[in-house]
C-alpha atoms as a PDB file:
ATOM      1  CA  MET A   1     144.664  86.338  36.114  1.00  0.00           C
ATOM      2  CA  SER A   2     147.336  86.429  33.417  1.00  0.00           C
ATOM      3  CA  SER A   3     150.046  83.791  33.457  1.00  0.00           C
ATOM      4  CA  TYR A   4     152.548  86.642  33.471  1.00  0.00           C
ATOM      5  CA  ASP A   5     151.267  88.081  36.733  1.00  0.00           C
ATOM      6  CA  PRO A   6     153.517  87.327  39.745  1.00  0.00           C
ATOM      7  CA  GLU A   7     152.238  84.792  42.206  1.00  0.00           C
ATOM      8  CA  PRO A   8     150.956  86.324  45.449  1.00  0.00           C
ATOM      9  CA  GLU A   9     153.332  86.011  48.388  1.00  0.00           C
ATOM     10  CA  LEU A  10     152.077  83.481  50.881  1.00  0.00           C
ATOM     11  CA  ILE A  11     152.249  84.255  54.609  1.00  0.00           C
ATOM     12  CA  THR A  12     152.613  81.321  56.956  1.00  0.00           C
ATOM     13  CA  PRO A  13     150.536  81.170  60.159  1.00  0.00           C
ATOM     14  CA  SER A  14     153.663  81.765  62.277  1.00  0.00           C
ATOM     15  CA  GLN A  15     154.536  84.895  60.250  1.00  0.00           C
ATOM     16  CA  PHE A  16     150.976  86.170  60.647  1.00  0.00           C
ATOM     17  CA  ARG A  17     151.067  85.654  64.417  1.00  0.00           C
ATOM     18  CA  GLU A  18     154.430  87.445  64.596  1.00  0.00           C
ATOM     19  CA  SER A  19     153.045  90.372  62.609  1.00  0.00           C
ATOM     20  CA  MET A  20     150.000  90.632  64.857  1.00  0.00           C
ATOM     21  CA  ARG A  21     152.194  90.619  67.971  1.00  0.00           C
ATOM     22  CA  LEU A  22     154.191  93.505  66.501  1.00  0.00           C
ATOM     23  CA  VAL A  23     150.992  95.415  65.712  1.00  0.00           C
ATOM     24  CA  ARG A  24     149.795  94.983  69.292  1.00  0.00           C
ATOM     25  CA  LEU A  25     153.101  96.380  70.527  1.00  0.00           C
ATOM     26  CA  GLN A  26     152.851  99.322  68.139  1.00  0.00           C
ATOM     27  CA  ILE A  27     149.511 100.215  69.702  1.00  0.00           C
ATOM     28  CA  ALA A  28     150.007  99.342  73.376  1.00  0.00           C
ATOM     29  CA  ILE A  29     153.513 100.646  74.092  1.00  0.00           C
ATOM     30  CA  PRO A  30     153.198 104.231  72.741  1.00  0.00           C
ATOM     31  CA  ILE A  31     149.904 104.606  74.624  1.00  0.00           C
ATOM     32  CA  SER A  32     151.501 103.302  77.835  1.00  0.00           C
ATOM     33  CA  VAL A  33     154.451 105.704  77.496  1.00  0.00           C
ATOM     34  CA  LEU A  34     152.065 108.652  77.080  1.00  0.00           C
ATOM     35  CA  VAL A  35     149.987 107.534  80.061  1.00  0.00           C
ATOM     36  CA  ALA A  36     153.021 107.061  82.319  1.00  0.00           C
ATOM     37  CA  LEU A  37     154.571 110.372  81.264  1.00  0.00           C
ATOM     38  CA  GLY A  38     151.258 112.195  81.657  1.00  0.00           C
ATOM     39  CA  ALA A  39     150.542 110.676  85.066  1.00  0.00           C
ATOM     40  CA  ASN A  40     153.988 111.611  86.369  1.00  0.00           C
ATOM     41  CA  LEU A  41     153.765 115.167  85.031  1.00  0.00           C
ATOM     42  CA  VAL A  42     150.291 115.714  86.480  1.00  0.00           C
ATOM     43  CA  CYS A  43     151.241 114.238  89.840  1.00  0.00           C
ATOM     44  CA  ALA A  44     154.471 116.258  89.887  1.00  0.00           C
ATOM     45  CA  LEU A  45     153.204 119.643  88.680  1.00  0.00           C
ATOM     46  CA  ALA A  46     149.427 119.891  88.980  1.00  0.00           C
ATOM     47  CA  ILE A  47     148.917 118.392  92.438  1.00  0.00           C
ATOM     48  CA  LYS A  48     150.036 119.979  95.698  1.00  0.00           C
ATOM     49  CA  PRO A  49     151.929 118.426  97.339  1.00  0.00           C
ATOM     50  CA  GLY A  50     153.255 116.706  94.258  1.00  0.00           C
ATOM     51  CA  LEU A  51     155.707 113.862  93.920  1.00  0.00           C
ATOM     52  CA  LYS A  52     158.646 116.000  95.048  1.00  0.00           C
ATOM     53  CA  GLY A  53     156.651 117.597  97.873  1.00  0.00           C
ATOM     54  CA  ILE A  54     155.555 114.262  99.321  1.00  0.00           C
ATOM     55  CA  ASN A  55     159.138 113.064  99.014  1.00  0.00           C
ATOM     56  CA  GLU A  56     160.273 116.029 101.136  1.00  0.00           C
ATOM     57  CA  LEU A  57     157.504 115.515 103.687  1.00  0.00           C
ATOM     58  CA  ASN A  58     158.677 111.934 104.266  1.00  0.00           C
ATOM     59  CA  PRO A  59     162.488 112.140 104.491  1.00  0.00           C
ATOM     60  CA  THR A  60     164.410 108.903 104.951  1.00  0.00           C
ATOM     61  CA  LEU A  61     168.063 107.899 104.845  1.00  0.00           C
ATOM     62  CA  LEU A  62     167.416 106.714 101.282  1.00  0.00           C
ATOM     63  CA  THR A  63     165.767 109.898 100.018  1.00  0.00           C
ATOM     64  CA  PRO A  64     167.619 110.789  96.789  1.00  0.00           C
ATOM     65  CA  ASN A  65     168.512 114.154  95.296  1.00  0.00           C
ATOM     66  CA  SER A  66     165.229 115.032  93.577  1.00  0.00           C
ATOM     67  CA  TYR A  67     166.818 117.156  90.826  1.00  0.00           C
ATOM     68  CA  MET A  68     169.280 114.439  89.833  1.00  0.00           C
ATOM     69  CA  VAL A  69     166.515 111.835  89.816  1.00  0.00           C
ATOM     70  CA  GLY A  70     164.393 114.157  87.685  1.00  0.00           C
ATOM     71  CA  ILE A  71     167.198 114.414  85.121  1.00  0.00           C
ATOM     72  CA  PHE A  72     167.507 110.614  85.094  1.00  0.00           C
ATOM     73  CA  TRP A  73     163.780 110.150  84.438  1.00  0.00           C
ATOM     74  CA  ALA A  74     163.720 112.899  81.796  1.00  0.00           C
ATOM     75  CA  PHE A  75     166.495 111.178  79.860  1.00  0.00           C
ATOM     76  CA  LEU A  76     164.782 107.821  80.335  1.00  0.00           C
ATOM     77  CA  TYR A  77     161.530 109.131  78.837  1.00  0.00           C
ATOM     78  CA  ILE A  78     163.428 110.598  75.879  1.00  0.00           C
ATOM     79  CA  LEU A  79     164.830 107.126  75.224  1.00  0.00           C
ATOM     80  CA  GLN A  80     161.338 105.654  75.570  1.00  0.00           C
ATOM     81  CA  VAL A  81     160.077 108.030  72.882  1.00  0.00           C
ATOM     82  CA  GLY A  82     162.958 106.807  70.715  1.00  0.00           C
ATOM     83  CA  PHE A  83     161.876 103.240  71.510  1.00  0.00           C
ATOM     84  CA  CYS A  84     158.391 104.045  70.195  1.00  0.00           C
ATOM     85  CA  MET A  85     159.866 105.496  66.988  1.00  0.00           C
ATOM     86  CA  VAL A  86     161.928 102.347  66.441  1.00  0.00           C
ATOM     87  CA  LEU A  87     158.834 100.274  67.121  1.00  0.00           C
ATOM     88  CA  LEU A  88     156.726 102.162  64.584  1.00  0.00           C
ATOM     89  CA  LEU A  89     159.408 102.347  61.869  1.00  0.00           C
ATOM     90  CA  VAL A  90     161.028  98.933  62.341  1.00  0.00           C
ATOM     91  CA  ARG A  91     162.184  97.210  59.152  1.00  0.00           C
ATOM     92  CA  LYS A  92     164.910  94.722  60.089  1.00  0.00           C
ATOM     93  CA  ASP A  93     163.868  91.213  61.103  1.00  0.00           C
ATOM     94  CA  VAL A  94     166.484  91.127  63.885  1.00  0.00           C
ATOM     95  CA  THR A  95     165.034  94.281  65.451  1.00  0.00           C
ATOM     96  CA  LYS A  96     161.498  92.919  65.121  1.00  0.00           C
ATOM     97  CA  GLU A  97     162.508  89.752  66.948  1.00  0.00           C
ATOM     98  CA  THR A  98     164.168  91.791  69.704  1.00  0.00           C
ATOM     99  CA  LEU A  99     161.046  93.930  70.128  1.00  0.00           C
ATOM    100  CA  VAL A 100     158.529  91.101  69.975  1.00  0.00           C
ATOM    101  CA  ASN A 101     160.345  88.335  71.832  1.00  0.00           C
ATOM    102  CA  GLY A 102     162.899  90.292  73.859  1.00  0.00           C
ATOM    103  CA  VAL A 103     160.650  93.060  75.173  1.00  0.00           C
ATOM    104  CA  GLY A 104     157.019  92.376  74.326  1.00  0.00           C
ATOM    105  CA  LEU A 105     153.989  93.741  76.127  1.00  0.00           C
ATOM    106  CA  ARG A 106     155.865  93.659  79.444  1.00  0.00           C
ATOM    107  CA  PHE A 107     157.212  97.124  78.653  1.00  0.00           C
ATOM    108  CA  ALA A 108     153.659  98.440  78.330  1.00  0.00           C
ATOM    109  CA  ILE A 109     152.832  96.795  81.660  1.00  0.00           C
ATOM    110  CA  ALA A 110     155.885  98.488  83.203  1.00  0.00           C
ATOM    111  CA  ASN A 111     154.616 101.904  82.139  1.00  0.00           C
ATOM    112  CA  TRP A 112     151.090 101.226  83.396  1.00  0.00           C
ATOM    113  CA  LEU A 113     152.527 100.160  86.749  1.00  0.00           C
ATOM    114  CA  GLN A 114     154.644 103.309  86.832  1.00  0.00           C
ATOM    115  CA  ALA A 115     151.563 105.450  86.197  1.00  0.00           C
ATOM    116  CA  ALA A 116     149.660 103.628  88.938  1.00  0.00           C
ATOM    117  CA  TRP A 117     152.589 104.158  91.313  1.00  0.00           C
ATOM    118  CA  ALA A 118     152.510 107.925  90.698  1.00  0.00           C
ATOM    119  CA  VAL A 119     148.815 107.988  91.617  1.00  0.00           C
ATOM    120  CA  CYS A 120     149.333 105.919  94.778  1.00  0.00           C
ATOM    121  CA  TRP A 121     152.296 108.073  95.852  1.00  0.00           C
ATOM    122  CA  SER A 122     150.285 111.251  95.293  1.00  0.00           C
ATOM    123  CA  LEU A 123     147.460 109.831  97.415  1.00  0.00           C
ATOM    124  CA  GLN A 124     150.107 108.882 100.000  1.00  0.00           C
ATOM    125  CA  PHE A 125     149.026 105.256  99.801  1.00  0.00           C
ATOM    126  CA  PHE A 126     152.602 104.129 100.340  1.00  0.00           C
ATOM    127  CA  ILE A 127     151.995 100.409 100.893  1.00  0.00           C
ATOM    128  CA  GLY A 128     150.120 100.135  97.604  1.00  0.00           C
ATOM    129  CA  ALA A 129     152.891 102.111  95.890  1.00  0.00           C
ATOM    130  CA  GLU A 130     155.499  99.708  97.276  1.00  0.00           C
ATOM    131  CA  VAL A 131     153.577  96.678  96.010  1.00  0.00           C
ATOM    132  CA  LEU A 132     153.411  98.241  92.538  1.00  0.00           C
ATOM    133  CA  ILE A 133     157.152  98.937  92.504  1.00  0.00           C
ATOM    134  CA  LEU A 134     158.013  95.390  93.573  1.00  0.00           C
ATOM    135  CA  LEU A 135     155.781  93.991  90.827  1.00  0.00           C
ATOM    136  CA  ASN A 136     157.464  96.298  88.345  1.00  0.00           C
ATOM    137  CA  VAL A 137     160.933  95.236  89.496  1.00  0.00           C
ATOM    138  CA  ILE A 138     160.036  91.614  88.750  1.00  0.00           C
ATOM    139  CA  ASN A 139     158.467  92.602  85.427  1.00  0.00           C
ATOM    140  CA  VAL A 140     161.405  94.721  84.206  1.00  0.00           C
ATOM    141  CA  LEU A 141     163.931  92.156  85.480  1.00  0.00           C
ATOM    142  CA  SER A 142     162.238  89.536  83.302  1.00  0.00           C
ATOM    143  CA  ILE A 143     162.659  91.856  80.284  1.00  0.00           C
ATOM    144  CA  HIS A 144     166.330  92.345  81.127  1.00  0.00           C
ATOM    145  CA  LEU A 145     166.916  88.592  81.360  1.00  0.00           C
ATOM    146  CA  THR A 146     165.084  87.926  78.082  1.00  0.00           C
ATOM    147  CA  LEU A 147     167.138  90.575  76.280  1.00  0.00           C
ATOM    148  CA  LEU A 148     170.288  88.626  77.146  1.00  0.00           C
ATOM    149  CA  MET A 149     169.403  86.426  74.159  1.00  0.00           C
ATOM    150  CA  TYR A 150     169.465  89.556  71.956  1.00  0.00           C
ATOM    151  CA  PRO A 151     172.644  91.344  73.122  1.00  0.00           C
ATOM    152  CA  PRO A 152     173.421  94.891  71.963  1.00  0.00           C
ATOM    153  CA  THR A 153     176.021  95.257  69.244  1.00  0.00           C
ATOM    154  CA  LEU A 154     177.788  98.104  67.471  1.00  0.00           C
ATOM    155  CA  ARG A 155     176.385  96.760  64.216  1.00  0.00           C
ATOM    156  CA  ARG A 156     172.931  97.888  65.409  1.00  0.00           C
ATOM    157  CA  PRO A 157     173.520 101.064  67.451  1.00  0.00           C
ATOM    158  CA  ILE A 158     169.872 102.141  67.220  1.00  0.00           C
ATOM    159  CA  ASP A 159     168.777  98.929  68.947  1.00  0.00           C
ATOM    160  CA  ALA A 160     171.412  99.425  71.659  1.00  0.00           C
ATOM    161  CA  LEU A 161     170.396 103.044  72.285  1.00  0.00           C
ATOM    162  CA  PHE A 162     166.614 102.875  72.103  1.00  0.00           C
ATOM    163  CA  ILE A 163     165.822  99.278  73.113  1.00  0.00           C
ATOM    164  CA  HIS A 164     168.522  98.051  75.494  1.00  0.00           C
ATOM    165  CA  ALA A 165     169.344 101.401  77.123  1.00  0.00           C
ATOM    166  CA  PRO A 166     165.842 102.299  78.410  1.00  0.00           C
ATOM    167  CA  MET A 167     165.299  98.768  79.723  1.00  0.00           C
ATOM    168  CA  THR A 168     168.612  98.869  81.581  1.00  0.00           C
ATOM    169  CA  MET A 169     168.009 102.342  83.022  1.00  0.00           C
ATOM    170  CA  LEU A 170     164.482 101.435  84.127  1.00  0.00           C
ATOM    171  CA  LEU A 171     165.764  98.335  85.895  1.00  0.00           C
ATOM    172  CA  ALA A 172     168.521 100.334  87.607  1.00  0.00           C
ATOM    173  CA  ILE A 173     166.253 103.054  89.027  1.00  0.00           C
ATOM    174  CA  LEU A 174     163.580 100.610  90.205  1.00  0.00           C
ATOM    175  CA  LEU A 175     165.920  97.988  91.660  1.00  0.00           C
ATOM    176  CA  GLU A 176     168.613 100.212  93.154  1.00  0.00           C
ATOM    177  CA  LEU A 177     166.530 103.083  94.507  1.00  0.00           C
ATOM    178  CA  ASP A 178     162.756 103.235  94.174  1.00  0.00           C
ATOM    179  CA  TRP A 179     161.683 100.096  96.001  1.00  0.00           C
ATOM    180  CA  MET A 180     164.052 100.782  98.913  1.00  0.00           C
ATOM    181  CA  HIS A 181     163.115 104.439  99.379  1.00  0.00           C
ATOM    182  CA  ASN A 182     159.393 103.727  98.978  1.00  0.00           C
ATOM    183  CA  GLY A 183     159.745 100.802 101.381  1.00  0.00           C
ATOM    184  CA  PHE A 184     161.344 102.966 104.056  1.00  0.00           C
ATOM    185  CA  VAL A 185     158.478 105.449 103.742  1.00  0.00           C
ATOM    186  CA  ALA A 186     155.852 102.682 103.810  1.00  0.00           C
ATOM    187  CA  LEU A 187     157.409 101.174 106.958  1.00  0.00           C
ATOM    188  CA  GLY A 188     157.569 104.556 108.672  1.00  0.00           C
ATOM    189  CA  TRP A 189     161.365 104.566 108.814  1.00  0.00           C
ATOM    190  CA  ASP A 190     161.531 108.319 108.360  1.00  0.00           C
ATOM    191  CA  ILE A 191     163.798 110.862 110.039  1.00  0.00           C
ATOM    192  CA  ARG A 192     161.416 113.627 111.023  1.00  0.00           C
ATOM    193  CA  GLU A 193     163.507 114.212 114.148  1.00  0.00           C
ATOM    194  CA  GLU A 194     167.281 114.486 114.393  1.00  0.00           C
ATOM    195  CA  LYS A 195     167.480 111.803 117.058  1.00  0.00           C
ATOM    196  CA  SER A 196     165.993 109.275 114.619  1.00  0.00           C
ATOM    197  CA  ARG A 197     168.818 109.832 112.087  1.00  0.00           C
ATOM    198  CA  GLU A 198     170.867 106.915 113.438  1.00  0.00           C
ATOM    199  CA  LYS A 199     167.877 104.681 114.167  1.00  0.00           C
ATOM    200  CA  TYR A 200     167.597 103.083 110.720  1.00  0.00           C
ATOM    201  CA  THR A 201     171.222 103.320 109.634  1.00  0.00           C
ATOM    202  CA  TRP A 202     171.927  99.600 109.476  1.00  0.00           C
ATOM    203  CA  GLN A 203     168.720  98.868 107.580  1.00  0.00           C
ATOM    204  CA  ALA A 204     169.807 101.412 104.962  1.00  0.00           C
ATOM    205  CA  VAL A 205     173.360 100.029 104.883  1.00  0.00           C
ATOM    206  CA  ALA A 206     172.087  96.467 104.423  1.00  0.00           C
ATOM    207  CA  CYS A 207     169.759  97.417 101.555  1.00  0.00           C
ATOM    208  CA  ILE A 208     172.332  99.527  99.708  1.00  0.00           C
ATOM    209  CA  ALA A 209     175.154  97.001 100.144  1.00  0.00           C
ATOM    210  CA  ALA A 210     173.129  93.914  99.206  1.00  0.00           C
ATOM    211  CA  VAL A 211     171.581  95.395  96.065  1.00  0.00           C
ATOM    212  CA  ASN A 212     174.746  97.060  94.808  1.00  0.00           C
ATOM    213  CA  ILE A 213     176.966  94.017  95.370  1.00  0.00           C
ATOM    214  CA  VAL A 214     174.596  91.841  93.346  1.00  0.00           C
ATOM    215  CA  VAL A 215     174.201  94.422  90.565  1.00  0.00           C
ATOM    216  CA  ALA A 216     177.941  95.176  90.405  1.00  0.00           C
ATOM    217  CA  LEU A 217     178.861  91.492  90.111  1.00  0.00           C
ATOM    218  CA  TRP A 218     176.178  90.915  87.483  1.00  0.00           C
ATOM    219  CA  ALA A 219     177.180  93.982  85.428  1.00  0.00           C
ATOM    220  CA  GLY A 220     180.836  92.960  85.647  1.00  0.00           C
ATOM    221  CA  PHE A 221     180.188  89.348  84.698  1.00  0.00           C
ATOM    222  CA  ARG A 222     178.001  90.341  81.736  1.00  0.00           C
ATOM    223  CA  ARG A 223     180.045  93.493  80.982  1.00  0.00           C
ATOM    224  CA  ILE A 224     176.973  95.733  80.920  1.00  0.00           C
ATOM    225  CA  TYR A 225     178.535  99.186  80.705  1.00  0.00           C
ATOM    226  CA  LEU A 226     175.277 101.132  80.873  1.00  0.00           C
ATOM    227  CA  LEU A 227     174.112  99.303  83.997  1.00  0.00           C
ATOM    228  CA  THR A 228     177.372 100.229  85.711  1.00  0.00           C
ATOM    229  CA  ALA A 229     177.016 103.884  84.644  1.00  0.00           C
ATOM    230  CA  ALA A 230     173.373 104.039  85.786  1.00  0.00           C
ATOM    231  CA  SER A 231     174.280 102.431  89.130  1.00  0.00           C
ATOM    232  CA  VAL A 232     177.042 104.968  89.763  1.00  0.00           C
ATOM    233  CA  TYR A 233     174.688 107.848  88.916  1.00  0.00           C
ATOM    234  CA  ILE A 234     172.026 106.540  91.312  1.00  0.00           C
ATOM    235  CA  LEU A 235     174.601 106.261  94.084  1.00  0.00           C
ATOM    236  CA  PHE A 236     175.521 109.906  93.475  1.00  0.00           C
ATOM    237  CA  CYS A 237     171.796 110.739  93.744  1.00  0.00           C
ATOM    238  CA  LEU A 238     171.901 109.281  97.254  1.00  0.00           C
ATOM    239  CA  LEU A 239     175.297 110.724  98.132  1.00  0.00           C
ATOM    240  CA  PHE A 240     174.329 114.284  97.180  1.00  0.00           C
ATOM    241  CA  SER A 241     171.025 114.317  99.044  1.00  0.00           C
ATOM    242  CA  SER A 242     170.416 115.899 102.439  1.00  0.00           C
ATOM    243  CA  PRO A 243     166.919 115.139 103.746  1.00  0.00           C
ATOM    244  CA  ARG A 244     165.500 117.860 105.973  1.00  0.00           C
ATOM    245  CA  THR A 245     163.511 117.330 109.147  1.00  0.00           C
ATOM    246  CA  ASN A 246     161.636 120.496 108.125  1.00  0.00           C
ATOM    247  CA  PRO A 247     161.243 120.741 104.313  1.00  0.00           C
ATOM    248  CA  THR A 248     160.945 124.544 104.420  1.00  0.00           C
ATOM    249  CA  LEU A 249     164.168 125.122 106.373  1.00  0.00           C
ATOM    250  CA  PRO A 250     167.487 124.361 104.634  1.00  0.00           C
ATOM    251  CA  THR A 251     169.242 124.549 108.011  1.00  0.00           C
ATOM    252  CA  THR A 252     167.457 121.384 109.140  1.00  0.00           C
ATOM    253  CA  ALA A 253     169.281 119.232 106.547  1.00  0.00           C
ATOM    254  CA  LEU A 254     170.926 116.281 108.251  1.00  0.00           C
ATOM    255  CA  PRO A 255     174.299 114.742 107.343  1.00  0.00           C
ATOM    256  CA  LYS A 256     174.350 111.073 106.542  1.00  0.00           C
ATOM    257  CA  PRO A 257     175.486 108.587 109.205  1.00  0.00           C
ATOM    258  CA  THR A 258     179.121 107.597 108.793  1.00  0.00           C
ATOM    259  CA  ALA A 259     178.318 103.931 108.158  1.00  0.00           C
ATOM    260  CA  LEU A 260     175.933 104.803 105.325  1.00  0.00           C
ATOM    261  CA  LEU A 261     178.364 107.306 103.829  1.00  0.00           C
ATOM    262  CA  VAL A 262     181.173 104.745 103.818  1.00  0.00           C
ATOM    263  CA  THR A 263     178.858 102.148 102.243  1.00  0.00           C
ATOM    264  CA  LEU A 264     177.907 104.514  99.421  1.00  0.00           C
ATOM    265  CA  ILE A 265     181.567 105.318  98.692  1.00  0.00           C
ATOM    266  CA  ILE A 266     182.562 101.630  98.712  1.00  0.00           C
ATOM    267  CA  CYS A 267     179.720 100.836  96.285  1.00  0.00           C
ATOM    268  CA  LEU A 268     180.801 103.715  94.038  1.00  0.00           C
ATOM    269  CA  VAL A 269     184.231 102.083  93.778  1.00  0.00           C
ATOM    270  CA  LEU A 270     182.855  98.558  93.509  1.00  0.00           C
ATOM    271  CA  HIS A 271     180.872  99.095  90.299  1.00  0.00           C
ATOM    272  CA  PRO A 272     183.701 100.258  87.993  1.00  0.00           C
ATOM    273  CA  VAL A 273     186.174  97.815  89.580  1.00  0.00           C
ATOM    274  CA  SER A 274     183.792  94.923  88.954  1.00  0.00           C
ATOM    275  CA  LEU A 275     183.279  96.016  85.345  1.00  0.00           C
ATOM    276  CA  LEU A 276     187.017  96.348  84.722  1.00  0.00           C
ATOM    277  CA  ALA A 277     187.581  92.917  86.255  1.00  0.00           C
ATOM    278  CA  GLY A 278     184.940  91.432  83.960  1.00  0.00           C
ATOM    279  CA  VAL A 279     186.497  93.024  80.873  1.00  0.00           C
ATOM    280  CA  ALA A 280     189.989  91.880  81.899  1.00  0.00           C
ATOM    281  CA  TRP A 281     188.760  88.329  82.557  1.00  0.00           C
ATOM    282  CA  LYS A 282     187.102  88.176  79.133  1.00  0.00           C
ATOM    283  CA  ARG A 283     190.225  89.377  77.331  1.00  0.00           C
ATOM    284  CA  THR A 284     192.394  86.931  79.274  1.00  0.00           C
ATOM    285  CA  SER A 285     190.042  84.067  78.418  1.00  0.00           C
ATOM    286  CA  GLU A 286     190.074  85.035  74.726  1.00  0.00           C
ATOM    287  CA  ARG A 287     193.887  85.233  74.718  1.00  0.00           C
ATOM    288  CA  GLU A 288     194.173  81.840  76.384  1.00  0.00           C
ATOM    289  CA  GLY A 289     191.687  80.453  73.900  1.00  0.00           C
ATOM    290  CA  ARG A 290     193.722  81.732  70.947  1.00  0.00           C
ATOM    291  CA  ILE A 291     196.948  80.296  72.418  1.00  0.00           C
ATOM    292  CA  ARG A 292     195.263  76.944  73.018  1.00  0.00           C
ATOM    293  CA  LEU A 293     193.891  76.915  69.465  1.00  0.00           C
ATOM    294  CA  GLU A 294     197.333  77.687  68.017  1.00  0.00           C
ATOM    295  CA  GLU A 295     198.859  74.877  70.073  1.00  0.00           C
ATOM    296  CA  GLU A 296     196.168  72.457  68.869  1.00  0.00           C
ATOM    297  CA  VAL A 297     196.778  73.483  65.248  1.00  0.00           C
ATOM    298  CA  GLU A 298     200.532  73.003  65.661  1.00  0.00           C
ATOM    299  CA  ALA A 299     199.970  69.605  67.278  1.00  0.00           C
ATOM    300  CA  ALA A 300     197.651  68.562  64.451  1.00  0.00           C
ATOM    301  CA  GLU A 301     200.195  69.659  61.834  1.00  0.00           C
ATOM    302  CA  GLU A 302     202.939  67.729  63.670  1.00  0.00           C
ATOM    303  CA  ASP A 303     200.774  64.598  63.784  1.00  0.00           C
ATOM    304  CA  GLU A 304     200.084  64.980  60.072  1.00  0.00           C
ATOM    305  CA  ARG A 305     203.810  65.214  59.292  1.00  0.00           C
ATOM    306  CA  HIS A 306     204.505  62.099  61.372  1.00  0.00           C
ATOM    307  CA  ALA A 307     201.710  60.246  59.595  1.00  0.00           C
ATOM    308  CA  GLU A 308     203.110  61.204  56.171  1.00  0.00           C
ATOM    309  CA  ALA A 309     206.597  60.106  57.235  1.00  0.00           C
ATOM    310  CA  ASP A 310     205.271  56.768  58.475  1.00  0.00           C
ATOM    311  CA  ALA A 311     203.365  56.284  55.224  1.00  0.00           C
ATOM    312  CA  ALA A 312     206.498  57.007  53.188  1.00  0.00           C
ATOM    313  CA  VAL A 313     208.507  54.475  55.209  1.00  0.00           C
ATOM    314  CA  ALA A 314     205.789  51.876  54.763  1.00  0.00           C
ATOM    315  CA  ARG A 315     205.736  52.361  50.955  1.00  0.00           C
ATOM    316  CA  ALA A 316     209.535  52.055  50.841  1.00  0.00           C
END
């Protein structure tokens, strides 16, 4: 080799391990997205009754508006495709670290669990489906907590849109709707008869209130705008649904119990109020911090002037 040839770039063991972790993600996550999307499409369109049909055959007080939920999932899968594109074309080290350490293979696991849920739901194995959703809630929640170390920023809008957004939306739909609705079906808390409409009202109220209070306070404290928006949309999915005791007869649609209706409306107000309170608190804290810093600077300058005056007197 000529002395004029450039020296080969050396890769440290840690850099090699990081590169291999990224390669594993580039293989596993796109495959998992395709599997989850394919499983949901097959179970929704090719099987009778499909996902929507089974949902209608098992109406509960927490049955959402299927069309609105479908729009939510369609947008979520579009963002997941964008996530895969970012993953395959990533160049910036900050984005690589967010993908590898902030998300990791847990996102692939989330999609595999979602595909398995679609199969269990189609087979009407509701207890197994509920177990899968609860496992996925824990899994996606761990991703959300890890991503707190890599917060979204306007300096990297692609990361915010295609990495943080799908993780937040997936957490919202699983935590604030899916596990509760699936759980009601698994426990047999359905409303096949009109007289059973009021029977499980307080169970529904307790679930909706508890989950939404926790999520609203968390989103407000962390100022997670997308989580607030997703939560409000999911509440509208519940508010604009009318489960039927007979899926084929629109006249059998039942109105929601008053207590549940009031709870949904209160939660709809709670989310934006909590977010606004969090933003206001942050701005107030920053303003107080600036005032305190200015006072400290003025005090330091005053002390310096006194010290100079004392030194001048001492020299005289």
